[in-house]
Amino acid sequence: MHGLLGPNGAGKTTLCKIISTVLLPTSGTVRVLGHDVVTGTARVKSSLGIVFGGDKGAYDRLTARQNLTFWASVYGLSGARRRRRVEELLERVGLADRARDRVGGFSRGMKQRLHLARGLVSDPGVLILDEPTVGMDPVAARDFRTLVGELRSGGTTILLTTHDMAEAAALSDRVSLIDQGALVMTETPETVGDLVSAYERVDARGVPEPLRQRLGALPGVVSVTGTEDGLTRVETETRGPRWRSSARWSTPRSTTSP
C-alpha cells in the first residue's frame, strides 16, 4: 500500500485521473501492471478499481444490491457469477443487512463502503482510493480504514491519496509527499511524519500585538503574520541535521486563543 500525501491542490486527484485514463498526461509515461495509460487504455481500465471521495458515484434511487449489480454488469459479469460477486461484496463491506435499502437513505460512511465495493467488483489488480474518508465522521473513517487494512492484508495493491498524515501513516507501507505537482520525497511513513511535523502553521484569533512580538522571537518560529480574515499566522521550522531541503509543506491548525 502506497500513500500519496499532500495538501489540497497538490495534484493528487489529477495524478489519479491520469493513472485511471480519465486525463491524458501532458508529458511523461504512466504504466499500470505493465500497460501504458495512453496506448493500452482498455487493459488499464480492466486492471483498476477506483474509489473517489465525496458523495458522487452511486445511484440514490437504487438499492445497494441494484447499484452493485449494475456495476458488475458494466464489467461483463452476468448470471450466477454476478449474483455471487454482488453478495460477496455486500458481505465484505458490511452492507448485507442493508442490501435492499435505497442508497439515498445511507449515511456518508455507508455510501463510502458501497463505493469501495463498487471499486472491487472486477477484482482489480490495483485499487485507487482518492481521499476516501473526506467528510466522514471519526467513527466512520476509522471503520473504513479498518476495512482498507483488511484488503491490504489480503494482498490487494492500493494507492491511497490523502492530506491526513495520520491516515497515511496508519495504512501505508511507503509514502510519497507531493506539493504543487512535484514529488518532494518517497520514504517510510515514520520518516515523512518526522519531516512534516517539523513544519507547522498555527492560525490564532485575538492575539494582542505584544504577544505577537514575543511569538516572533521564539526559537524555531519563522514568521508571525496577519491574514486577510483577521487571524494571526505563526509558522515554525525545526530542522534536524539530516534535513537540508528548502521544501515547506505545513500542516494547518486553527485555534481561538493564543
C-alpha atoms as a PDB file:
ATOM      1  CA  MET A   1       0.000   0.000   0.000  1.00  0.00           C
ATOM      2  CA  HIS A   2       1.448   3.312  -1.125  1.00  0.00           C
ATOM      3  CA  GLY A   3       0.293   6.625   0.306  1.00  0.00           C
ATOM      4  CA  LEU A   4       0.262   9.833  -1.746  1.00  0.00           C
ATOM      5  CA  LEU A   5       0.357  12.669   0.757  1.00  0.00           C
ATOM      6  CA  GLY A   6      -0.026  16.361   0.059  1.00  0.00           C
ATOM      7  CA  PRO A   7      -2.080  19.477   0.841  1.00  0.00           C
ATOM      8  CA  ASN A   8      -5.239  20.356  -1.066  1.00  0.00           C
ATOM      9  CA  GLY A   9      -4.353  21.333  -4.626  1.00  0.00           C
ATOM     10  CA  ALA A  10      -1.055  19.436  -4.654  1.00  0.00           C
ATOM     11  CA  GLY A  11      -2.095  17.328  -7.664  1.00  0.00           C
ATOM     12  CA  LYS A  12      -3.161  14.078  -6.000  1.00  0.00           C
ATOM     13  CA  THR A  13      -6.516  13.732  -7.756  1.00  0.00           C
ATOM     14  CA  THR A  14      -5.033  14.853 -11.075  1.00  0.00           C
ATOM     15  CA  LEU A  15      -2.482  12.055 -10.861  1.00  0.00           C
ATOM     16  CA  CYS A  16      -5.207   9.534 -10.025  1.00  0.00           C
ATOM     17  CA  LYS A  17      -7.202  10.666 -13.070  1.00  0.00           C
ATOM     18  CA  ILE A  18      -4.142  10.225 -15.280  1.00  0.00           C
ATOM     19  CA  ILE A  19      -3.493   6.745 -13.883  1.00  0.00           C
ATOM     20  CA  SER A  20      -7.128   5.788 -14.458  1.00  0.00           C
ATOM     21  CA  THR A  21      -7.105   7.157 -18.063  1.00  0.00           C
ATOM     22  CA  VAL A  22      -9.599   9.932 -17.322  1.00  0.00           C
ATOM     23  CA  LEU A  23      -6.982  12.587 -18.169  1.00  0.00           C
ATOM     24  CA  LEU A  24      -4.177  12.402 -20.718  1.00  0.00           C
ATOM     25  CA  PRO A  25      -0.698  13.190 -19.394  1.00  0.00           C
ATOM     26  CA  THR A  26       0.958  16.248 -20.954  1.00  0.00           C
ATOM     27  CA  SER A  27       4.365  14.599 -20.547  1.00  0.00           C
ATOM     28  CA  GLY A  28       5.978  11.517 -19.082  1.00  0.00           C
ATOM     29  CA  THR A  29       4.810   7.917 -19.041  1.00  0.00           C
ATOM     30  CA  VAL A  30       2.465   6.010 -16.745  1.00  0.00           C
ATOM     31  CA  ARG A  31       2.080   2.226 -16.722  1.00  0.00           C
ATOM     32  CA  VAL A  32      -0.320   0.122 -14.712  1.00  0.00           C
ATOM     33  CA  LEU A  33       0.708  -3.521 -14.390  1.00  0.00           C
ATOM     34  CA  GLY A  34       2.853  -3.022 -17.476  1.00  0.00           C
ATOM     35  CA  HIS A  35       0.150  -1.337 -19.583  1.00  0.00           C
ATOM     36  CA  ASP A  36       0.582   2.245 -20.820  1.00  0.00           C
ATOM     37  CA  VAL A  37      -2.325   4.521 -19.857  1.00  0.00           C
ATOM     38  CA  VAL A  38      -2.359   6.125 -23.333  1.00  0.00           C
ATOM     39  CA  THR A  39      -1.753   3.194 -25.687  1.00  0.00           C
ATOM     40  CA  GLY A  40      -3.232   0.431 -23.522  1.00  0.00           C
ATOM     41  CA  THR A  41      -6.282   2.207 -22.154  1.00  0.00           C
ATOM     42  CA  ALA A  42      -8.626  -0.791 -22.269  1.00  0.00           C
ATOM     43  CA  ARG A  43      -6.179  -3.055 -20.420  1.00  0.00           C
ATOM     44  CA  VAL A  44      -5.557  -0.384 -17.787  1.00  0.00           C
ATOM     45  CA  LYS A  45      -9.275   0.144 -17.173  1.00  0.00           C
ATOM     46  CA  SER A  46      -9.846  -3.571 -16.681  1.00  0.00           C
ATOM     47  CA  SER A  47      -6.969  -3.703 -14.176  1.00  0.00           C
ATOM     48  CA  LEU A  48      -8.119  -0.841 -11.957  1.00  0.00           C
ATOM     49  CA  GLY A  49     -10.658  -0.225  -9.242  1.00  0.00           C
ATOM     50  CA  ILE A  50     -11.291   3.390  -8.270  1.00  0.00           C
ATOM     51  CA  VAL A  51     -12.890   4.932  -5.179  1.00  0.00           C
ATOM     52  CA  PHE A  52     -13.105   8.724  -5.191  1.00  0.00           C
ATOM     53  CA  GLY A  53     -14.019  10.700  -2.100  1.00  0.00           C
ATOM     54  CA  GLY A  54     -17.310  12.562  -1.965  1.00  0.00           C
ATOM     55  CA  ASP A  55     -20.953  11.666  -2.428  1.00  0.00           C
ATOM     56  CA  LYS A  56     -20.922  11.025  -6.181  1.00  0.00           C
ATOM     57  CA  GLY A  57     -20.697   7.602  -7.741  1.00  0.00           C
ATOM     58  CA  ALA A  58     -23.853   5.821  -6.563  1.00  0.00           C
ATOM     59  CA  TYR A  59     -27.475   5.962  -7.669  1.00  0.00           C
ATOM     60  CA  ASP A  60     -29.575   7.115  -4.722  1.00  0.00           C
ATOM     61  CA  ARG A  61     -32.876   5.751  -6.023  1.00  0.00           C
ATOM     62  CA  LEU A  62     -31.457   2.246  -6.413  1.00  0.00           C
ATOM     63  CA  THR A  63     -30.756  -0.187  -3.611  1.00  0.00           C
ATOM     64  CA  ALA A  64     -27.236  -1.188  -2.623  1.00  0.00           C
ATOM     65  CA  ARG A  65     -27.701  -4.524  -4.389  1.00  0.00           C
ATOM     66  CA  GLN A  66     -29.040  -2.877  -7.543  1.00  0.00           C
ATOM     67  CA  ASN A  67     -26.094  -0.470  -7.641  1.00  0.00           C
ATOM     68  CA  LEU A  68     -23.554  -3.272  -7.430  1.00  0.00           C
ATOM     69  CA  THR A  69     -25.474  -5.414  -9.916  1.00  0.00           C
ATOM     70  CA  PHE A  70     -25.343  -2.568 -12.429  1.00  0.00           C
ATOM     71  CA  TRP A  71     -21.607  -2.046 -11.985  1.00  0.00           C
ATOM     72  CA  ALA A  72     -20.926  -5.765 -12.174  1.00  0.00           C
ATOM     73  CA  SER A  73     -22.808  -5.818 -15.483  1.00  0.00           C
ATOM     74  CA  VAL A  74     -20.642  -2.959 -16.771  1.00  0.00           C
ATOM     75  CA  TYR A  75     -17.597  -5.132 -16.080  1.00  0.00           C
ATOM     76  CA  GLY A  76     -19.103  -8.025 -18.009  1.00  0.00           C
ATOM     77  CA  LEU A  77     -20.342 -10.200 -15.152  1.00  0.00           C
ATOM     78  CA  SER A  78     -23.687 -11.936 -15.604  1.00  0.00           C
ATOM     79  CA  GLY A  79     -25.939 -14.644 -14.244  1.00  0.00           C
ATOM     80  CA  ALA A  80     -24.924 -16.650 -11.198  1.00  0.00           C
ATOM     81  CA  ARG A  81     -21.369 -15.301 -11.270  1.00  0.00           C
ATOM     82  CA  ARG A  82     -22.657 -11.733 -10.989  1.00  0.00           C
ATOM     83  CA  ARG A  83     -25.045 -12.617  -8.180  1.00  0.00           C
ATOM     84  CA  ARG A  84     -22.287 -14.333  -6.207  1.00  0.00           C
ATOM     85  CA  ARG A  85     -19.922 -11.404  -6.651  1.00  0.00           C
ATOM     86  CA  VAL A  86     -22.519  -8.856  -5.531  1.00  0.00           C
ATOM     87  CA  GLU A  87     -23.442 -10.832  -2.419  1.00  0.00           C
ATOM     88  CA  GLU A  88     -19.776 -11.420  -1.556  1.00  0.00           C
ATOM     89  CA  LEU A  89     -19.039  -7.706  -1.744  1.00  0.00           C
ATOM     90  CA  LEU A  90     -22.090  -6.674   0.254  1.00  0.00           C
ATOM     91  CA  GLU A  91     -20.988  -9.049   2.999  1.00  0.00           C
ATOM     92  CA  ARG A  92     -17.375  -7.931   2.783  1.00  0.00           C
ATOM     93  CA  VAL A  93     -18.148  -4.230   3.291  1.00  0.00           C
ATOM     94  CA  GLY A  94     -20.775  -4.843   5.969  1.00  0.00           C
ATOM     95  CA  LEU A  95     -23.866  -3.899   3.961  1.00  0.00           C
ATOM     96  CA  ALA A  96     -25.530  -7.297   3.595  1.00  0.00           C
ATOM     97  CA  ASP A  97     -28.295  -6.321   6.013  1.00  0.00           C
ATOM     98  CA  ARG A  98     -28.989  -3.109   4.048  1.00  0.00           C
ATOM     99  CA  ALA A  99     -28.822  -4.657   0.583  1.00  0.00           C
ATOM    100  CA  ARG A 100     -32.493  -3.913  -0.171  1.00  0.00           C
ATOM    101  CA  ASP A 101     -32.411  -0.311   1.096  1.00  0.00           C
ATOM    102  CA  ARG A 102     -32.170   2.654  -1.236  1.00  0.00           C
ATOM    103  CA  VAL A 103     -28.778   4.299  -1.183  1.00  0.00           C
ATOM    104  CA  GLY A 104     -30.335   7.760  -0.794  1.00  0.00           C
ATOM    105  CA  GLY A 105     -31.043   6.927   2.851  1.00  0.00           C
ATOM    106  CA  PHE A 106     -27.486   5.793   3.615  1.00  0.00           C
ATOM    107  CA  SER A 107     -25.100   7.671   5.870  1.00  0.00           C
ATOM    108  CA  ARG A 108     -21.883   9.070   4.427  1.00  0.00           C
ATOM    109  CA  GLY A 109     -19.878   6.167   5.835  1.00  0.00           C
ATOM    110  CA  MET A 110     -22.263   3.580   4.375  1.00  0.00           C
ATOM    111  CA  LYS A 111     -22.123   5.224   0.955  1.00  0.00           C
ATOM    112  CA  GLN A 112     -18.349   5.139   1.015  1.00  0.00           C
ATOM    113  CA  ARG A 113     -18.382   1.442   1.883  1.00  0.00           C
ATOM    114  CA  LEU A 114     -20.638   0.922  -1.128  1.00  0.00           C
ATOM    115  CA  HIS A 115     -18.168   2.910  -3.249  1.00  0.00           C
ATOM    116  CA  LEU A 116     -15.428   0.580  -2.035  1.00  0.00           C
ATOM    117  CA  ALA A 117     -17.487  -2.459  -3.020  1.00  0.00           C
ATOM    118  CA  ARG A 118     -18.022  -0.911  -6.452  1.00  0.00           C
ATOM    119  CA  GLY A 119     -14.257  -0.412  -6.796  1.00  0.00           C
ATOM    120  CA  LEU A 120     -13.701  -4.095  -6.023  1.00  0.00           C
ATOM    121  CA  VAL A 121     -16.421  -5.504  -8.249  1.00  0.00           C
ATOM    122  CA  SER A 122     -13.994  -6.501 -11.033  1.00  0.00           C
ATOM    123  CA  ASP A 123     -11.449  -7.958  -8.586  1.00  0.00           C
ATOM    124  CA  PRO A 124      -8.853  -5.382  -9.737  1.00  0.00           C
ATOM    125  CA  GLY A 125      -5.104  -5.796  -9.539  1.00  0.00           C
ATOM    126  CA  VAL A 126      -4.730  -2.188  -8.385  1.00  0.00           C
ATOM    127  CA  LEU A 127      -7.165  -0.177  -6.255  1.00  0.00           C
ATOM    128  CA  ILE A 128      -7.026   3.638  -6.142  1.00  0.00           C
ATOM    129  CA  LEU A 129      -8.517   5.343  -3.086  1.00  0.00           C
ATOM    130  CA  ASP A 130      -8.635   9.106  -3.635  1.00  0.00           C
ATOM    131  CA  GLU A 131      -9.210  10.769  -0.238  1.00  0.00           C
ATOM    132  CA  PRO A 132     -11.840   8.136   0.619  1.00  0.00           C
ATOM    133  CA  THR A 133     -12.549   9.351   4.168  1.00  0.00           C
ATOM    134  CA  VAL A 134     -13.009  13.053   3.378  1.00  0.00           C
ATOM    135  CA  GLY A 135     -16.156  14.350   5.082  1.00  0.00           C
ATOM    136  CA  MET A 136     -16.627  11.247   7.221  1.00  0.00           C
ATOM    137  CA  ASP A 137     -17.143  11.429  10.964  1.00  0.00           C
ATOM    138  CA  PRO A 138     -14.269   9.941  13.030  1.00  0.00           C
ATOM    139  CA  VAL A 139     -16.047   6.646  13.753  1.00  0.00           C
ATOM    140  CA  ALA A 140     -16.989   6.035  10.109  1.00  0.00           C
ATOM    141  CA  ALA A 141     -13.464   6.957   8.994  1.00  0.00           C
ATOM    142  CA  ARG A 142     -11.956   4.517  11.490  1.00  0.00           C
ATOM    143  CA  ASP A 143     -14.228   1.705  10.323  1.00  0.00           C
ATOM    144  CA  PHE A 144     -13.393   2.430   6.692  1.00  0.00           C
ATOM    145  CA  ARG A 145      -9.645   2.380   7.410  1.00  0.00           C
ATOM    146  CA  THR A 146     -10.058  -0.953   9.156  1.00  0.00           C
ATOM    147  CA  LEU A 147     -11.771  -2.323   6.056  1.00  0.00           C
ATOM    148  CA  VAL A 148      -8.980  -0.987   3.826  1.00  0.00           C
ATOM    149  CA  GLY A 149      -6.407  -2.555   6.128  1.00  0.00           C
ATOM    150  CA  GLU A 150      -8.101  -5.922   5.657  1.00  0.00           C
ATOM    151  CA  LEU A 151      -7.866  -5.528   1.876  1.00  0.00           C
ATOM    152  CA  ARG A 152      -4.182  -4.713   2.201  1.00  0.00           C
ATOM    153  CA  SER A 153      -3.633  -7.819   4.323  1.00  0.00           C
ATOM    154  CA  GLY A 154      -5.373  -9.852   1.636  1.00  0.00           C
ATOM    155  CA  GLY A 155      -2.815  -8.809  -0.978  1.00  0.00           C
ATOM    156  CA  THR A 156      -4.618  -6.043  -2.873  1.00  0.00           C
ATOM    157  CA  THR A 157      -2.267  -3.350  -4.233  1.00  0.00           C
ATOM    158  CA  ILE A 158      -3.606   0.034  -3.119  1.00  0.00           C
ATOM    159  CA  LEU A 159      -2.723   3.650  -3.904  1.00  0.00           C
ATOM    160  CA  LEU A 160      -4.155   5.945  -1.222  1.00  0.00           C
ATOM    161  CA  THR A 161      -4.230   9.718  -1.602  1.00  0.00           C
ATOM    162  CA  THR A 162      -4.809  11.864   1.474  1.00  0.00           C
ATOM    163  CA  HIS A 163      -3.854  15.139   3.121  1.00  0.00           C
ATOM    164  CA  ASP A 164      -4.048  13.442   6.528  1.00  0.00           C
ATOM    165  CA  MET A 165      -0.607  12.343   7.757  1.00  0.00           C
ATOM    166  CA  ALA A 166      -2.145  10.120  10.434  1.00  0.00           C
ATOM    167  CA  GLU A 167      -4.192   8.257   7.828  1.00  0.00           C
ATOM    168  CA  ALA A 168      -1.184   7.792   5.557  1.00  0.00           C
ATOM    169  CA  ALA A 169       0.961   6.565   8.449  1.00  0.00           C
ATOM    170  CA  ALA A 170      -1.669   4.134   9.717  1.00  0.00           C
ATOM    171  CA  LEU A 171      -2.246   2.409   6.380  1.00  0.00           C
ATOM    172  CA  SER A 172       0.769   2.824   4.093  1.00  0.00           C
ATOM    173  CA  ASP A 173       3.989   0.878   3.650  1.00  0.00           C
ATOM    174  CA  ARG A 174       5.586   3.805   1.800  1.00  0.00           C
ATOM    175  CA  VAL A 175       4.529   7.428   1.416  1.00  0.00           C
ATOM    176  CA  SER A 176       5.252   9.897  -1.380  1.00  0.00           C
ATOM    177  CA  LEU A 177       4.971  13.564  -0.450  1.00  0.00           C
ATOM    178  CA  ILE A 178       3.931  15.891  -3.282  1.00  0.00           C
ATOM    179  CA  ASP A 179       3.360  19.640  -3.406  1.00  0.00           C
ATOM    180  CA  GLN A 180       2.351  21.873  -6.319  1.00  0.00           C
ATOM    181  CA  GLY A 181       2.503  18.954  -8.718  1.00  0.00           C
ATOM    182  CA  ALA A 182       6.073  17.982  -7.840  1.00  0.00           C
ATOM    183  CA  LEU A 183       7.386  14.941  -5.979  1.00  0.00           C
ATOM    184  CA  VAL A 184       9.154  16.062  -2.799  1.00  0.00           C
ATOM    185  CA  MET A 185      10.177  12.681  -1.414  1.00  0.00           C
ATOM    186  CA  THR A 186       9.273   8.992  -1.022  1.00  0.00           C
ATOM    187  CA  GLU A 187      10.035   7.463   2.359  1.00  0.00           C
ATOM    188  CA  THR A 188       8.577   5.362   5.147  1.00  0.00           C
ATOM    189  CA  PRO A 189       5.571   6.881   6.953  1.00  0.00           C
ATOM    190  CA  GLU A 190       7.747   7.491  10.016  1.00  0.00           C
ATOM    191  CA  THR A 191      10.354   9.471   8.080  1.00  0.00           C
ATOM    192  CA  VAL A 192       7.791  11.593   6.261  1.00  0.00           C
ATOM    193  CA  GLY A 193       5.966  12.197   9.546  1.00  0.00           C
ATOM    194  CA  ASP A 194       9.148  13.490  11.165  1.00  0.00           C
ATOM    195  CA  LEU A 195       9.630  15.976   8.332  1.00  0.00           C
ATOM    196  CA  VAL A 196       6.026  17.152   8.181  1.00  0.00           C
ATOM    197  CA  SER A 197       5.833  17.659  11.941  1.00  0.00           C
ATOM    198  CA  ALA A 198       8.887  19.923  11.732  1.00  0.00           C
ATOM    199  CA  TYR A 199       6.919  22.492   9.718  1.00  0.00           C
ATOM    200  CA  GLU A 200       3.808  23.782  11.440  1.00  0.00           C
ATOM    201  CA  ARG A 201       1.366  26.589  10.718  1.00  0.00           C
ATOM    202  CA  VAL A 202      -0.888  27.720  13.542  1.00  0.00           C
ATOM    203  CA  ASP A 203      -3.703  30.221  12.981  1.00  0.00           C
ATOM    204  CA  ALA A 204      -4.964  32.025  16.088  1.00  0.00           C
ATOM    205  CA  ARG A 205      -7.603  34.693  16.676  1.00  0.00           C
ATOM    206  CA  GLY A 206      -7.412  37.531  19.195  1.00  0.00           C
ATOM    207  CA  VAL A 207      -3.623  37.662  19.607  1.00  0.00           C
ATOM    208  CA  PRO A 208      -2.512  41.053  21.012  1.00  0.00           C
ATOM    209  CA  GLU A 209       0.451  42.816  19.418  1.00  0.00           C
ATOM    210  CA  PRO A 210       2.829  42.374  22.400  1.00  0.00           C
ATOM    211  CA  LEU A 211       2.240  38.619  22.286  1.00  0.00           C
ATOM    212  CA  ARG A 212       2.786  38.547  18.525  1.00  0.00           C
ATOM    213  CA  GLN A 213       6.193  40.133  19.063  1.00  0.00           C
ATOM    214  CA  ARG A 214       7.063  37.592  21.755  1.00  0.00           C
ATOM    215  CA  LEU A 215       5.997  34.739  19.478  1.00  0.00           C
ATOM    216  CA  GLY A 216       8.195  36.050  16.698  1.00  0.00           C
ATOM    217  CA  ALA A 217      11.227  35.927  18.970  1.00  0.00           C
ATOM    218  CA  LEU A 218      10.766  32.279  19.979  1.00  0.00           C
ATOM    219  CA  PRO A 219      13.316  29.737  18.703  1.00  0.00           C
ATOM    220  CA  GLY A 220      12.059  27.872  15.653  1.00  0.00           C
ATOM    221  CA  VAL A 221       9.432  30.468  14.705  1.00  0.00           C
ATOM    222  CA  VAL A 222       9.946  31.527  11.091  1.00  0.00           C
ATOM    223  CA  SER A 223       7.263  34.204  10.797  1.00  0.00           C
ATOM    224  CA  VAL A 224       4.295  35.790  12.545  1.00  0.00           C
ATOM    225  CA  THR A 225       1.922  37.486  10.109  1.00  0.00           C
ATOM    226  CA  GLY A 226      -1.681  38.615   9.811  1.00  0.00           C
ATOM    227  CA  THR A 227      -4.139  37.015   7.386  1.00  0.00           C
ATOM    228  CA  GLU A 228      -6.887  38.663   5.380  1.00  0.00           C
ATOM    229  CA  ASP A 229      -9.578  37.291   7.692  1.00  0.00           C
ATOM    230  CA  GLY A 230      -8.001  38.778  10.821  1.00  0.00           C
ATOM    231  CA  LEU A 231      -6.080  35.750  12.104  1.00  0.00           C
ATOM    232  CA  THR A 232      -2.511  35.686  13.344  1.00  0.00           C
ATOM    233  CA  ARG A 233      -0.489  33.066  11.465  1.00  0.00           C
ATOM    234  CA  VAL A 234       2.582  31.545  13.131  1.00  0.00           C
ATOM    235  CA  GLU A 235       4.887  29.384  11.020  1.00  0.00           C
ATOM    236  CA  THR A 236       7.549  27.235  12.623  1.00  0.00           C
ATOM    237  CA  GLU A 237      10.543  25.395  11.277  1.00  0.00           C
ATOM    238  CA  THR A 238      12.680  22.884  13.150  1.00  0.00           C
ATOM    239  CA  ARG A 239      15.416  21.334  11.073  1.00  0.00           C
ATOM    240  CA  GLY A 240      17.365  18.311  12.195  1.00  0.00           C
ATOM    241  CA  PRO A 241      20.830  17.596  10.817  1.00  0.00           C
ATOM    242  CA  ARG A 242      19.537  15.185   8.158  1.00  0.00           C
ATOM    243  CA  TRP A 243      17.110  17.648   6.568  1.00  0.00           C
ATOM    244  CA  ARG A 244      18.583  20.337   4.340  1.00  0.00           C
ATOM    245  CA  SER A 245      15.781  20.702   1.847  1.00  0.00           C
ATOM    246  CA  SER A 246      14.067  24.066   1.425  1.00  0.00           C
ATOM    247  CA  ALA A 247      10.712  22.355   0.900  1.00  0.00           C
ATOM    248  CA  ARG A 248       7.963  23.884   3.017  1.00  0.00           C
ATOM    249  CA  TRP A 249       4.821  21.824   3.487  1.00  0.00           C
ATOM    250  CA  SER A 250       2.939  22.869   6.610  1.00  0.00           C
ATOM    251  CA  THR A 251       0.068  21.298   8.476  1.00  0.00           C
ATOM    252  CA  PRO A 252      -2.614  23.945   9.132  1.00  0.00           C
ATOM    253  CA  ARG A 253      -4.211  24.106  12.536  1.00  0.00           C
ATOM    254  CA  SER A 254      -6.615  26.639  13.986  1.00  0.00           C
ATOM    255  CA  THR A 255      -7.396  27.840  17.460  1.00  0.00           C
ATOM    256  CA  THR A 256      -9.469  30.603  19.003  1.00  0.00           C
ATOM    257  CA  SER A 257      -6.931  31.612  21.641  1.00  0.00           C
ATOM    258  CA  PRO A 258      -3.153  32.151  21.710  1.00  0.00           C
END
